[in-house]
């Protein structure tokens, strides 16, 4: 089997209700990750692209968070309704979905304007 061309890491981290940083998968249902797997399968992409469950990606204020590698494209506020766009436009079409993409200035920094706010 050939190696995967892309990995979609879907944050499935859970925190206790009311946590200040929020939780990407508060009900531990992994629905978002399963939606990616279903969309990839429907397009015949599962031999080339893998949708992985991830623990905390430390972008909680932007959650639910998804990152596509090796492209290093980070998405925030992703819902099940956004899965089709990410798979069709980015994974199959090679064009990241601008409306969901996190700004580089917001990734791995304490200075992001979203840090400390509510989602």
PDB file of N, CA and C in Angstrom:
ATOM      1  N   UNK A   1       0.847  -1.184   0.000  1.00  0.00           N
ATOM      2  CA  UNK A   1       0.000   0.000   0.000  1.00  0.00           C
ATOM      3  C   UNK A   1       0.888   1.242   0.000  1.00  0.00           C
ATOM      4  N   UNK A   2       0.549   2.201  -0.807  1.00  0.00           N
ATOM      5  CA  UNK A   2       1.293   3.465  -0.876  1.00  0.00           C
ATOM      6  C   UNK A   2       1.028   4.291   0.380  1.00  0.00           C
ATOM      7  N   UNK A   3       1.979   5.139   0.761  1.00  0.00           N
ATOM      8  CA  UNK A   3       1.749   5.992   1.937  1.00  0.00           C
ATOM      9  C   UNK A   3       0.640   7.007   1.660  1.00  0.00           C
ATOM     10  N   UNK A   4       0.034   7.470   2.727  1.00  0.00           N
ATOM     11  CA  UNK A   4      -1.001   8.494   2.603  1.00  0.00           C
ATOM     12  C   UNK A   4      -0.389   9.787   2.100  1.00  0.00           C
ATOM     13  N   UNK A   5      -1.108  10.494   1.242  1.00  0.00           N
ATOM     14  CA  UNK A   5      -0.669  11.789   0.725  1.00  0.00           C
ATOM     15  C   UNK A   5      -0.967  12.915   1.708  1.00  0.00           C
ATOM     16  N   UNK A   6      -2.055  12.771   2.437  1.00  0.00           N
ATOM     17  CA  UNK A   6      -2.465  13.794   3.396  1.00  0.00           C
ATOM     18  C   UNK A   6      -3.050  13.132   4.635  1.00  0.00           C
ATOM     19  N   UNK A   7      -2.917  13.841   5.734  1.00  0.00           N
ATOM     20  CA  UNK A   7      -3.566  13.455   6.983  1.00  0.00           C
ATOM     21  C   UNK A   7      -4.410  14.639   7.438  1.00  0.00           C
ATOM     22  N   UNK A   8      -5.636  14.347   7.806  1.00  0.00           N
ATOM     23  CA  UNK A   8      -6.527  15.349   8.383  1.00  0.00           C
ATOM     24  C   UNK A   8      -6.609  15.015   9.866  1.00  0.00           C
ATOM     25  N   UNK A   9      -6.062  15.892  10.703  1.00  0.00           N
ATOM     26  CA  UNK A   9      -6.104  15.680  12.145  1.00  0.00           C
ATOM     27  C   UNK A   9      -7.276  16.476  12.709  1.00  0.00           C
ATOM     28  N   UNK A  10      -8.194  15.775  13.346  1.00  0.00           N
ATOM     29  CA  UNK A  10      -9.413  16.374  13.892  1.00  0.00           C
ATOM     30  C   UNK A  10      -9.321  16.329  15.404  1.00  0.00           C
ATOM     31  N   UNK A  11      -9.332  17.490  16.044  1.00  0.00           N
ATOM     32  CA  UNK A  11      -9.255  17.525  17.499  1.00  0.00           C
ATOM     33  C   UNK A  11     -10.513  16.891  18.086  1.00  0.00           C
ATOM     34  N   UNK A  12     -10.306  15.884  18.910  1.00  0.00           N
ATOM     35  CA  UNK A  12     -11.401  15.209  19.605  1.00  0.00           C
ATOM     36  C   UNK A  12     -11.225  15.348  21.113  1.00  0.00           C
ATOM     37  N   UNK A  13     -10.539  16.410  21.523  1.00  0.00           N
ATOM     38  CA  UNK A  13     -10.271  16.624  22.939  1.00  0.00           C
ATOM     39  C   UNK A  13     -11.550  16.978  23.684  1.00  0.00           C
ATOM     40  N   UNK A  14     -11.641  16.471  24.909  1.00  0.00           N
ATOM     41  CA  UNK A  14     -12.780  16.783  25.759  1.00  0.00           C
ATOM     42  C   UNK A  14     -12.292  17.376  27.068  1.00  0.00           C
ATOM     43  N   UNK A  15     -13.004  18.371  27.509  1.00  0.00           N
ATOM     44  CA  UNK A  15     -12.759  18.963  28.821  1.00  0.00           C
ATOM     45  C   UNK A  15     -14.076  18.978  29.579  1.00  0.00           C
ATOM     46  N   UNK A  16     -13.973  19.220  30.868  1.00  0.00           N
ATOM     47  CA  UNK A  16     -15.177  19.272  31.682  1.00  0.00           C
ATOM     48  C   UNK A  16     -16.052  20.452  31.241  1.00  0.00           C
ATOM     49  N   UNK A  17     -17.361  20.323  31.375  1.00  0.00           N
ATOM     50  CA  UNK A  17     -18.269  21.409  30.992  1.00  0.00           C
ATOM     51  C   UNK A  17     -17.899  22.718  31.691  1.00  0.00           C
ATOM     52  N   UNK A  18     -17.963  23.803  30.942  1.00  0.00           N
ATOM     53  CA  UNK A  18     -17.679  25.118  31.493  1.00  0.00           C
ATOM     54  C   UNK A  18     -16.211  25.490  31.544  1.00  0.00           C
ATOM     55  N   UNK A  19     -15.332  24.648  31.052  1.00  0.00           N
ATOM     56  CA  UNK A  19     -13.902  24.965  31.062  1.00  0.00           C
ATOM     57  C   UNK A  19     -13.666  26.248  30.269  1.00  0.00           C
ATOM     58  N   UNK A  20     -12.797  27.091  30.762  1.00  0.00           N
ATOM     59  CA  UNK A  20     -12.549  28.402  30.149  1.00  0.00           C
ATOM     60  C   UNK A  20     -12.063  28.310  28.705  1.00  0.00           C
ATOM     61  N   UNK A  21     -11.357  27.262  28.359  1.00  0.00           N
ATOM     62  CA  UNK A  21     -10.827  27.152  26.996  1.00  0.00           C
ATOM     63  C   UNK A  21     -11.756  26.415  26.047  1.00  0.00           C
ATOM     64  N   UNK A  22     -12.833  25.878  26.546  1.00  0.00           N
ATOM     65  CA  UNK A  22     -13.767  25.158  25.693  1.00  0.00           C
ATOM     66  C   UNK A  22     -13.305  23.739  25.428  1.00  0.00           C
ATOM     67  N   UNK A  23     -13.988  23.078  24.524  1.00  0.00           N
ATOM     68  CA  UNK A  23     -13.701  21.693  24.205  1.00  0.00           C
ATOM     69  C   UNK A  23     -14.104  21.432  22.760  1.00  0.00           C
ATOM     70  N   UNK A  24     -13.216  20.853  21.987  1.00  0.00           N
ATOM     71  CA  UNK A  24     -13.521  20.591  20.575  1.00  0.00           C
ATOM     72  C   UNK A  24     -14.526  19.464  20.397  1.00  0.00           C
ATOM     73  N   UNK A  25     -14.584  18.527  21.337  1.00  0.00           N
ATOM     74  CA  UNK A  25     -15.515  17.403  21.260  1.00  0.00           C
ATOM     75  C   UNK A  25     -16.141  17.181  22.643  1.00  0.00           C
ATOM     76  N   UNK A  26     -16.964  18.129  23.089  1.00  0.00           N
ATOM     77  CA  UNK A  26     -17.446  18.099  24.471  1.00  0.00           C
ATOM     78  C   UNK A  26     -18.265  16.866  24.839  1.00  0.00           C
ATOM     79  N   UNK A  27     -18.879  16.211  23.881  1.00  0.00           N
ATOM     80  CA  UNK A  27     -19.722  15.057  24.180  1.00  0.00           C
ATOM     81  C   UNK A  27     -19.048  13.727  23.839  1.00  0.00           C
ATOM     82  N   UNK A  28     -17.770  13.772  23.467  1.00  0.00           N
ATOM     83  CA  UNK A  28     -16.982  12.574  23.159  1.00  0.00           C
ATOM     84  C   UNK A  28     -17.663  11.710  22.104  1.00  0.00           C
ATOM     85  N   UNK A  29     -18.248  12.357  21.106  1.00  0.00           N
ATOM     86  CA  UNK A  29     -18.953  11.620  20.052  1.00  0.00           C
ATOM     87  C   UNK A  29     -18.119  11.436  18.790  1.00  0.00           C
ATOM     88  N   UNK A  30     -17.045  12.189  18.640  1.00  0.00           N
ATOM     89  CA  UNK A  30     -16.148  12.087  17.477  1.00  0.00           C
ATOM     90  C   UNK A  30     -16.913  12.222  16.158  1.00  0.00           C
ATOM     91  N   UNK A  31     -17.993  12.985  16.175  1.00  0.00           N
ATOM     92  CA  UNK A  31     -18.842  13.142  14.992  1.00  0.00           C
ATOM     93  C   UNK A  31     -18.107  13.824  13.847  1.00  0.00           C
ATOM     94  N   UNK A  32     -17.291  14.816  14.166  1.00  0.00           N
ATOM     95  CA  UNK A  32     -16.582  15.549  13.125  1.00  0.00           C
ATOM     96  C   UNK A  32     -15.578  14.634  12.405  1.00  0.00           C
ATOM     97  N   UNK A  33     -14.837  13.871  13.153  1.00  0.00           N
ATOM     98  CA  UNK A  33     -13.867  12.955  12.553  1.00  0.00           C
ATOM     99  C   UNK A  33     -14.581  11.901  11.714  1.00  0.00           C
ATOM    100  N   UNK A  34     -15.674  11.379  12.194  1.00  0.00           N
ATOM    101  CA  UNK A  34     -16.437  10.389  11.421  1.00  0.00           C
ATOM    102  C   UNK A  34     -17.004  11.008  10.145  1.00  0.00           C
ATOM    103  N   UNK A  35     -17.404  12.274  10.197  1.00  0.00           N
ATOM    104  CA  UNK A  35     -17.912  12.957   8.996  1.00  0.00           C
ATOM    105  C   UNK A  35     -16.814  13.065   7.942  1.00  0.00           C
ATOM    106  N   UNK A  36     -15.591  13.351   8.373  1.00  0.00           N
ATOM    107  CA  UNK A  36     -14.471  13.388   7.418  1.00  0.00           C
ATOM    108  C   UNK A  36     -14.242  12.013   6.805  1.00  0.00           C
ATOM    109  N   UNK A  37     -14.248  10.970   7.618  1.00  0.00           N
ATOM    110  CA  UNK A  37     -14.043   9.614   7.097  1.00  0.00           C
ATOM    111  C   UNK A  37     -15.125   9.257   6.081  1.00  0.00           C
ATOM    112  N   UNK A  38     -16.360   9.614   6.376  1.00  0.00           N
ATOM    113  CA  UNK A  38     -17.470   9.317   5.466  1.00  0.00           C
ATOM    114  C   UNK A  38     -17.318  10.081   4.150  1.00  0.00           C
ATOM    115  N   UNK A  39     -16.962  11.362   4.223  1.00  0.00           N
ATOM    116  CA  UNK A  39     -16.797  12.183   3.017  1.00  0.00           C
ATOM    117  C   UNK A  39     -15.636  11.669   2.165  1.00  0.00           C
ATOM    118  N   UNK A  40     -14.554  11.267   2.795  1.00  0.00           N
ATOM    119  CA  UNK A  40     -13.420  10.716   2.047  1.00  0.00           C
ATOM    120  C   UNK A  40     -13.801   9.408   1.368  1.00  0.00           C
ATOM    121  N   UNK A  41     -14.516   8.554   2.077  1.00  0.00           N
ATOM    122  CA  UNK A  41     -14.936   7.274   1.509  1.00  0.00           C
ATOM    123  C   UNK A  41     -15.876   7.487   0.327  1.00  0.00           C
ATOM    124  N   UNK A  42     -16.790   8.433   0.444  1.00  0.00           N
ATOM    125  CA  UNK A  42     -17.748   8.698  -0.629  1.00  0.00           C
ATOM    126  C   UNK A  42     -17.060   9.152  -1.908  1.00  0.00           C
ATOM    127  N   UNK A  43     -15.866   9.723  -1.780  1.00  0.00           N
ATOM    128  CA  UNK A  43     -15.127  10.226  -2.932  1.00  0.00           C
ATOM    129  C   UNK A  43     -13.988   9.297  -3.354  1.00  0.00           C
ATOM    130  N   UNK A  44     -13.904   8.154  -2.698  1.00  0.00           N
ATOM    131  CA  UNK A  44     -12.860   7.189  -3.044  1.00  0.00           C
ATOM    132  C   UNK A  44     -11.461   7.643  -2.678  1.00  0.00           C
ATOM    133  N   UNK A  45     -11.345   8.431  -1.621  1.00  0.00           N
ATOM    134  CA  UNK A  45     -10.047   9.004  -1.252  1.00  0.00           C
ATOM    135  C   UNK A  45      -9.378   8.318  -0.063  1.00  0.00           C
ATOM    136  N   UNK A  46      -9.991   7.281   0.497  1.00  0.00           N
ATOM    137  CA  UNK A  46      -9.452   6.706   1.731  1.00  0.00           C
ATOM    138  C   UNK A  46      -8.107   6.007   1.560  1.00  0.00           C
ATOM    139  N   UNK A  47      -7.726   5.664   0.349  1.00  0.00           N
ATOM    140  CA  UNK A  47      -6.409   5.057   0.158  1.00  0.00           C
ATOM    141  C   UNK A  47      -5.313   6.111   0.078  1.00  0.00           C
ATOM    142  N   UNK A  48      -5.706   7.378  -0.106  1.00  0.00           N
ATOM    143  CA  UNK A  48      -4.734   8.468  -0.244  1.00  0.00           C
ATOM    144  C   UNK A  48      -4.736   9.441   0.936  1.00  0.00           C
ATOM    145  N   UNK A  49      -5.873   9.526   1.639  1.00  0.00           N
ATOM    146  CA  UNK A  49      -6.029  10.527   2.697  1.00  0.00           C
ATOM    147  C   UNK A  49      -6.609   9.850   3.932  1.00  0.00           C
ATOM    148  N   UNK A  50      -6.057  10.192   5.073  1.00  0.00           N
ATOM    149  CA  UNK A  50      -6.490   9.600   6.340  1.00  0.00           C
ATOM    150  C   UNK A  50      -7.037  10.685   7.245  1.00  0.00           C
ATOM    151  N   UNK A  51      -8.212  10.458   7.817  1.00  0.00           N
ATOM    152  CA  UNK A  51      -8.793  11.363   8.814  1.00  0.00           C
ATOM    153  C   UNK A  51      -8.517  10.777  10.190  1.00  0.00           C
ATOM    154  N   UNK A  52      -7.612  11.413  10.920  1.00  0.00           N
ATOM    155  CA  UNK A  52      -7.165  10.920  12.215  1.00  0.00           C
ATOM    156  C   UNK A  52      -7.818  11.676  13.357  1.00  0.00           C
ATOM    157  N   UNK A  53      -8.117  10.951  14.436  1.00  0.00           N
ATOM    158  CA  UNK A  53      -8.506  11.608  15.680  1.00  0.00           C
ATOM    159  C   UNK A  53      -7.236  12.169  16.300  1.00  0.00           C
ATOM    160  N   UNK A  54      -7.340  13.364  16.856  1.00  0.00           N
ATOM    161  CA  UNK A  54      -6.197  13.969  17.542  1.00  0.00           C
ATOM    162  C   UNK A  54      -6.623  14.383  18.937  1.00  0.00           C
ATOM    163  N   UNK A  55      -5.657  14.372  19.832  1.00  0.00           N
ATOM    164  CA  UNK A  55      -5.880  14.967  21.134  1.00  0.00           C
ATOM    165  C   UNK A  55      -5.803  16.480  20.964  1.00  0.00           C
ATOM    166  N   UNK A  56      -5.625  17.180  22.034  1.00  0.00           N
ATOM    167  CA  UNK A  56      -5.623  18.644  22.005  1.00  0.00           C
ATOM    168  C   UNK A  56      -4.558  19.177  21.040  1.00  0.00           C
ATOM    169  N   UNK A  57      -4.996  20.024  20.121  1.00  0.00           N
ATOM    170  CA  UNK A  57      -4.091  20.694  19.191  1.00  0.00           C
ATOM    171  C   UNK A  57      -3.708  22.077  19.708  1.00  0.00           C
ATOM    172  N   UNK A  58      -4.146  22.411  20.913  1.00  0.00           N
ATOM    173  CA  UNK A  58      -3.835  23.662  21.614  1.00  0.00           C
ATOM    174  C   UNK A  58      -4.292  24.902  20.858  1.00  0.00           C
ATOM    175  N   UNK A  59      -5.406  24.774  20.171  1.00  0.00           N
ATOM    176  CA  UNK A  59      -6.035  25.916  19.502  1.00  0.00           C
ATOM    177  C   UNK A  59      -7.483  26.012  19.989  1.00  0.00           C
ATOM    178  N   UNK A  60      -7.674  25.746  21.259  1.00  0.00           N
ATOM    179  CA  UNK A  60      -8.995  25.573  21.855  1.00  0.00           C
ATOM    180  C   UNK A  60      -9.943  26.743  21.591  1.00  0.00           C
ATOM    181  N   UNK A  61      -9.420  27.952  21.631  1.00  0.00           N
ATOM    182  CA  UNK A  61     -10.261  29.129  21.422  1.00  0.00           C
ATOM    183  C   UNK A  61     -10.793  29.209  19.990  1.00  0.00           C
ATOM    184  N   UNK A  62     -10.214  28.422  19.103  1.00  0.00           N
ATOM    185  CA  UNK A  62     -10.632  28.397  17.706  1.00  0.00           C
ATOM    186  C   UNK A  62     -11.425  27.151  17.357  1.00  0.00           C
ATOM    187  N   UNK A  63     -11.691  26.307  18.330  1.00  0.00           N
ATOM    188  CA  UNK A  63     -12.238  24.989  18.069  1.00  0.00           C
ATOM    189  C   UNK A  63     -13.659  24.973  17.564  1.00  0.00           C
ATOM    190  N   UNK A  64     -14.071  23.843  17.094  1.00  0.00           N
ATOM    191  CA  UNK A  64     -13.285  22.656  16.817  1.00  0.00           C
ATOM    192  C   UNK A  64     -12.214  22.909  15.749  1.00  0.00           C
ATOM    193  N   UNK A  65     -11.046  22.360  16.013  1.00  0.00           N
ATOM    194  CA  UNK A  65      -9.885  22.608  15.178  1.00  0.00           C
ATOM    195  C   UNK A  65      -9.536  21.376  14.338  1.00  0.00           C
ATOM    196  N   UNK A  66      -9.141  21.647  13.093  1.00  0.00           N
ATOM    197  CA  UNK A  66      -8.719  20.610  12.153  1.00  0.00           C
ATOM    198  C   UNK A  66      -7.450  21.117  11.479  1.00  0.00           C
ATOM    199  N   UNK A  67      -6.473  20.231  11.293  1.00  0.00           N
ATOM    200  CA  UNK A  67      -5.259  20.606  10.571  1.00  0.00           C
ATOM    201  C   UNK A  67      -4.978  19.553   9.502  1.00  0.00           C
ATOM    202  N   UNK A  68      -4.592  20.027   8.322  1.00  0.00           N
ATOM    203  CA  UNK A  68      -4.286  19.148   7.197  1.00  0.00           C
ATOM    204  C   UNK A  68      -2.777  19.173   6.961  1.00  0.00           C
ATOM    205  N   UNK A  69      -2.178  17.975   7.028  1.00  0.00           N
ATOM    206  CA  UNK A  69      -0.758  17.830   6.747  1.00  0.00           C
ATOM    207  C   UNK A  69      -0.570  16.929   5.548  1.00  0.00           C
ATOM    208  N   UNK A  70       0.461  17.170   4.736  1.00  0.00           N
ATOM    209  CA  UNK A  70       1.626  18.004   4.992  1.00  0.00           C
ATOM    210  C   UNK A  70       1.427  19.480   4.641  1.00  0.00           C
ATOM    211  N   UNK A  71       0.220  19.886   4.309  1.00  0.00           N
ATOM    212  CA  UNK A  71      -0.038  21.267   3.890  1.00  0.00           C
ATOM    213  C   UNK A  71       0.112  22.284   5.017  1.00  0.00           C
ATOM    214  N   UNK A  72       0.039  21.834   6.270  1.00  0.00           N
ATOM    215  CA  UNK A  72       0.100  22.720   7.434  1.00  0.00           C
ATOM    216  C   UNK A  72      -0.968  23.807   7.358  1.00  0.00           C
ATOM    217  N   UNK A  73      -2.169  23.415   6.945  1.00  0.00           N
ATOM    218  CA  UNK A  73      -3.309  24.329   6.898  1.00  0.00           C
ATOM    219  C   UNK A  73      -4.183  24.029   8.108  1.00  0.00           C
ATOM    220  N   UNK A  74      -4.394  25.069   8.917  1.00  0.00           N
ATOM    221  CA  UNK A  74      -5.183  24.961  10.142  1.00  0.00           C
ATOM    222  C   UNK A  74      -6.550  25.587   9.919  1.00  0.00           C
ATOM    223  N   UNK A  75      -7.576  24.868  10.363  1.00  0.00           N
ATOM    224  CA  UNK A  75      -8.949  25.352  10.281  1.00  0.00           C
ATOM    225  C   UNK A  75      -9.533  25.457  11.684  1.00  0.00           C
ATOM    226  N   UNK A  76     -10.362  26.477  11.890  1.00  0.00           N
ATOM    227  CA  UNK A  76     -11.009  26.648  13.180  1.00  0.00           C
ATOM    228  C   UNK A  76     -12.508  26.814  13.036  1.00  0.00           C
ATOM    229  N   UNK A  77     -13.209  26.489  14.108  1.00  0.00           N
ATOM    230  CA  UNK A  77     -14.659  26.606  14.113  1.00  0.00           C
ATOM    231  C   UNK A  77     -15.329  25.658  13.135  1.00  0.00           C
ATOM    232  N   UNK A  78     -14.710  24.515  12.894  1.00  0.00           N
ATOM    233  CA  UNK A  78     -15.203  23.572  11.894  1.00  0.00           C
ATOM    234  C   UNK A  78     -16.423  22.828  12.436  1.00  0.00           C
ATOM    235  N   UNK A  79     -17.459  22.736  11.599  1.00  0.00           N
ATOM    236  CA  UNK A  79     -18.656  21.973  11.932  1.00  0.00           C
ATOM    237  C   UNK A  79     -18.819  20.850  10.917  1.00  0.00           C
ATOM    238  N   UNK A  80     -19.742  19.972  11.170  1.00  0.00           N
ATOM    239  CA  UNK A  80     -20.016  18.891  10.220  1.00  0.00           C
ATOM    240  C   UNK A  80     -20.437  19.452   8.865  1.00  0.00           C
ATOM    241  N   UNK A  81     -21.056  20.626   8.858  1.00  0.00           N
ATOM    242  CA  UNK A  81     -21.487  21.249   7.605  1.00  0.00           C
ATOM    243  C   UNK A  81     -20.302  21.738   6.771  1.00  0.00           C
ATOM    244  N   UNK A  82     -19.138  21.903   7.382  1.00  0.00           N
ATOM    245  CA  UNK A  82     -17.947  22.384   6.678  1.00  0.00           C
ATOM    246  C   UNK A  82     -17.116  21.264   6.064  1.00  0.00           C
ATOM    247  N   UNK A  83     -17.388  20.036   6.449  1.00  0.00           N
ATOM    248  CA  UNK A  83     -16.576  18.900   6.017  1.00  0.00           C
ATOM    249  C   UNK A  83     -16.556  18.774   4.499  1.00  0.00           C
ATOM    250  N   UNK A  84     -17.711  18.860   3.863  1.00  0.00           N
ATOM    251  CA  UNK A  84     -17.787  18.709   2.404  1.00  0.00           C
ATOM    252  C   UNK A  84     -16.904  19.749   1.706  1.00  0.00           C
ATOM    253  N   UNK A  85     -16.945  20.987   2.173  1.00  0.00           N
ATOM    254  CA  UNK A  85     -16.133  22.042   1.553  1.00  0.00           C
ATOM    255  C   UNK A  85     -14.648  21.748   1.710  1.00  0.00           C
ATOM    256  N   UNK A  86     -14.226  21.320   2.892  1.00  0.00           N
ATOM    257  CA  UNK A  86     -12.809  21.032   3.104  1.00  0.00           C
ATOM    258  C   UNK A  86     -12.366  19.861   2.225  1.00  0.00           C
ATOM    259  N   UNK A  87     -13.162  18.822   2.166  1.00  0.00           N
ATOM    260  CA  UNK A  87     -12.789  17.660   1.355  1.00  0.00           C
ATOM    261  C   UNK A  87     -12.811  18.005  -0.130  1.00  0.00           C
ATOM    262  N   UNK A  88     -13.871  18.659  -0.593  1.00  0.00           N
ATOM    263  CA  UNK A  88     -13.973  18.963  -2.025  1.00  0.00           C
ATOM    264  C   UNK A  88     -12.994  20.039  -2.474  1.00  0.00           C
ATOM    265  N   UNK A  89     -12.942  21.144  -1.736  1.00  0.00           N
ATOM    266  CA  UNK A  89     -12.114  22.271  -2.164  1.00  0.00           C
ATOM    267  C   UNK A  89     -10.637  22.068  -1.848  1.00  0.00           C
ATOM    268  N   UNK A  90     -10.338  21.631  -0.637  1.00  0.00           N
ATOM    269  CA  UNK A  90      -8.936  21.525  -0.236  1.00  0.00           C
ATOM    270  C   UNK A  90      -8.338  20.161  -0.592  1.00  0.00           C
ATOM    271  N   UNK A  91      -8.930  19.109  -0.070  1.00  0.00           N
ATOM    272  CA  UNK A  91      -8.333  17.784  -0.252  1.00  0.00           C
ATOM    273  C   UNK A  91      -8.354  17.369  -1.723  1.00  0.00           C
ATOM    274  N   UNK A  92      -9.512  17.453  -2.361  1.00  0.00           N
ATOM    275  CA  UNK A  92      -9.612  17.040  -3.765  1.00  0.00           C
ATOM    276  C   UNK A  92      -9.178  18.137  -4.729  1.00  0.00           C
ATOM    277  N   UNK A  93      -9.456  19.405  -4.388  1.00  0.00           N
ATOM    278  CA  UNK A  93      -9.189  20.502  -5.314  1.00  0.00           C
ATOM    279  C   UNK A  93      -7.908  21.267  -5.097  1.00  0.00           C
ATOM    280  N   UNK A  94      -7.254  21.060  -3.948  1.00  0.00           N
ATOM    281  CA  UNK A  94      -5.983  21.726  -3.699  1.00  0.00           C
ATOM    282  C   UNK A  94      -6.074  23.185  -3.286  1.00  0.00           C
ATOM    283  N   UNK A  95      -7.284  23.664  -2.964  1.00  0.00           N
ATOM    284  CA  UNK A  95      -7.479  25.058  -2.562  1.00  0.00           C
ATOM    285  C   UNK A  95      -8.031  25.107  -1.142  1.00  0.00           C
ATOM    286  N   UNK A  96      -7.231  25.525  -0.158  1.00  0.00           N
ATOM    287  CA  UNK A  96      -7.737  25.627   1.205  1.00  0.00           C
ATOM    288  C   UNK A  96      -8.985  26.515   1.278  1.00  0.00           C
ATOM    289  N   UNK A  97      -9.843  26.213   2.219  1.00  0.00           N
ATOM    290  CA  UNK A  97     -11.100  26.939   2.404  1.00  0.00           C
ATOM    291  C   UNK A  97     -10.809  28.187   3.244  1.00  0.00           C
ATOM    292  N   UNK A  98     -10.750  29.329   2.580  1.00  0.00           N
ATOM    293  CA  UNK A  98     -10.330  30.581   3.214  1.00  0.00           C
ATOM    294  C   UNK A  98     -11.205  30.970   4.401  1.00  0.00           C
ATOM    295  N   UNK A  99     -12.505  30.775   4.318  1.00  0.00           N
ATOM    296  CA  UNK A  99     -13.411  31.229   5.383  1.00  0.00           C
ATOM    297  C   UNK A  99     -13.211  30.474   6.694  1.00  0.00           C
ATOM    298  N   UNK A 100     -12.589  29.312   6.643  1.00  0.00           N
ATOM    299  CA  UNK A 100     -12.354  28.511   7.845  1.00  0.00           C
ATOM    300  C   UNK A 100     -10.901  28.519   8.303  1.00  0.00           C
ATOM    301  N   UNK A 101     -10.036  29.011   7.458  1.00  0.00           N
ATOM    302  CA  UNK A 101      -8.600  28.936   7.729  1.00  0.00           C
ATOM    303  C   UNK A 101      -8.203  29.881   8.868  1.00  0.00           C
ATOM    304  N   UNK A 102      -7.403  29.352   9.789  1.00  0.00           N
ATOM    305  CA  UNK A 102      -6.871  30.179  10.869  1.00  0.00           C
ATOM    306  C   UNK A 102      -5.708  31.007  10.343  1.00  0.00           C
ATOM    307  N   UNK A 103      -5.647  32.231  10.767  1.00  0.00           N
ATOM    308  CA  UNK A 103      -4.533  33.101  10.396  1.00  0.00           C
ATOM    309  C   UNK A 103      -3.251  32.566  11.030  1.00  0.00           C
ATOM    310  N   UNK A 104      -2.153  32.646  10.297  1.00  0.00           N
ATOM    311  CA  UNK A 104      -0.875  32.189  10.839  1.00  0.00           C
ATOM    312  C   UNK A 104      -0.561  32.874  12.165  1.00  0.00           C
ATOM    313  N   UNK A 105      -0.970  34.131  12.307  1.00  0.00           N
ATOM    314  CA  UNK A 105      -0.700  34.885  13.524  1.00  0.00           C
ATOM    315  C   UNK A 105      -1.455  34.341  14.739  1.00  0.00           C
ATOM    316  N   UNK A 106      -2.450  33.499  14.516  1.00  0.00           N
ATOM    317  CA  UNK A 106      -3.240  32.939  15.614  1.00  0.00           C
ATOM    318  C   UNK A 106      -2.775  31.548  16.047  1.00  0.00           C
ATOM    319  N   UNK A 107      -1.846  30.967  15.331  1.00  0.00           N
ATOM    320  CA  UNK A 107      -1.427  29.603  15.629  1.00  0.00           C
ATOM    321  C   UNK A 107      -0.190  29.615  16.514  1.00  0.00           C
ATOM    322  N   UNK A 108      -0.285  28.899  17.618  1.00  0.00           N
ATOM    323  CA  UNK A 108       0.827  28.722  18.555  1.00  0.00           C
ATOM    324  C   UNK A 108       1.387  30.035  19.092  1.00  0.00           C
ATOM    325  N   UNK A 109       0.495  30.917  19.476  1.00  0.00           N
ATOM    326  CA  UNK A 109       0.920  32.171  20.069  1.00  0.00           C
ATOM    327  C   UNK A 109      -0.047  32.566  21.178  1.00  0.00           C
ATOM    328  N   UNK A 110       0.481  33.208  22.184  1.00  0.00           N
ATOM    329  CA  UNK A 110      -0.375  33.704  23.263  1.00  0.00           C
ATOM    330  C   UNK A 110      -0.960  35.073  22.902  1.00  0.00           C
ATOM    331  N   UNK A 111      -0.471  35.661  21.821  1.00  0.00           N
ATOM    332  CA  UNK A 111      -0.888  37.024  21.467  1.00  0.00           C
ATOM    333  C   UNK A 111      -2.117  37.068  20.546  1.00  0.00           C
ATOM    334  N   UNK A 112      -2.650  35.934  20.161  1.00  0.00           N
ATOM    335  CA  UNK A 112      -3.813  35.906  19.273  1.00  0.00           C
ATOM    336  C   UNK A 112      -4.987  36.632  19.947  1.00  0.00           C
ATOM    337  N   UNK A 113      -5.716  37.452  19.206  1.00  0.00           N
ATOM    338  CA  UNK A 113      -6.839  38.179  19.798  1.00  0.00           C
ATOM    339  C   UNK A 113      -7.956  37.257  20.297  1.00  0.00           C
ATOM    340  N   UNK A 114      -7.963  36.005  19.875  1.00  0.00           N
ATOM    341  CA  UNK A 114      -8.996  35.068  20.298  1.00  0.00           C
ATOM    342  C   UNK A 114      -8.690  34.429  21.644  1.00  0.00           C
ATOM    343  N   UNK A 115      -7.438  34.463  22.076  1.00  0.00           N
ATOM    344  CA  UNK A 115      -7.055  33.830  23.329  1.00  0.00           C
ATOM    345  C   UNK A 115      -7.714  34.552  24.505  1.00  0.00           C
ATOM    346  N   UNK A 116      -8.231  33.753  25.389  1.00  0.00           N
ATOM    347  CA  UNK A 116      -8.834  34.324  26.590  1.00  0.00           C
ATOM    348  C   UNK A 116     -10.289  34.718  26.407  1.00  0.00           C
ATOM    349  N   UNK A 117     -10.795  34.715  25.172  1.00  0.00           N
ATOM    350  CA  UNK A 117     -12.200  35.058  24.947  1.00  0.00           C
ATOM    351  C   UNK A 117     -13.056  33.823  24.925  1.00  0.00           C
ATOM    352  N   UNK A 118     -14.343  34.015  24.893  1.00  0.00           N
ATOM    353  CA  UNK A 118     -15.236  32.882  24.813  1.00  0.00           C
ATOM    354  C   UNK A 118     -15.527  32.568  23.357  1.00  0.00           C
ATOM    355  N   UNK A 119     -15.903  31.323  23.115  1.00  0.00           N
ATOM    356  CA  UNK A 119     -16.203  30.913  21.738  1.00  0.00           C
ATOM    357  C   UNK A 119     -17.660  31.014  21.479  1.00  0.00           C
TER     358      UNK A 119
END
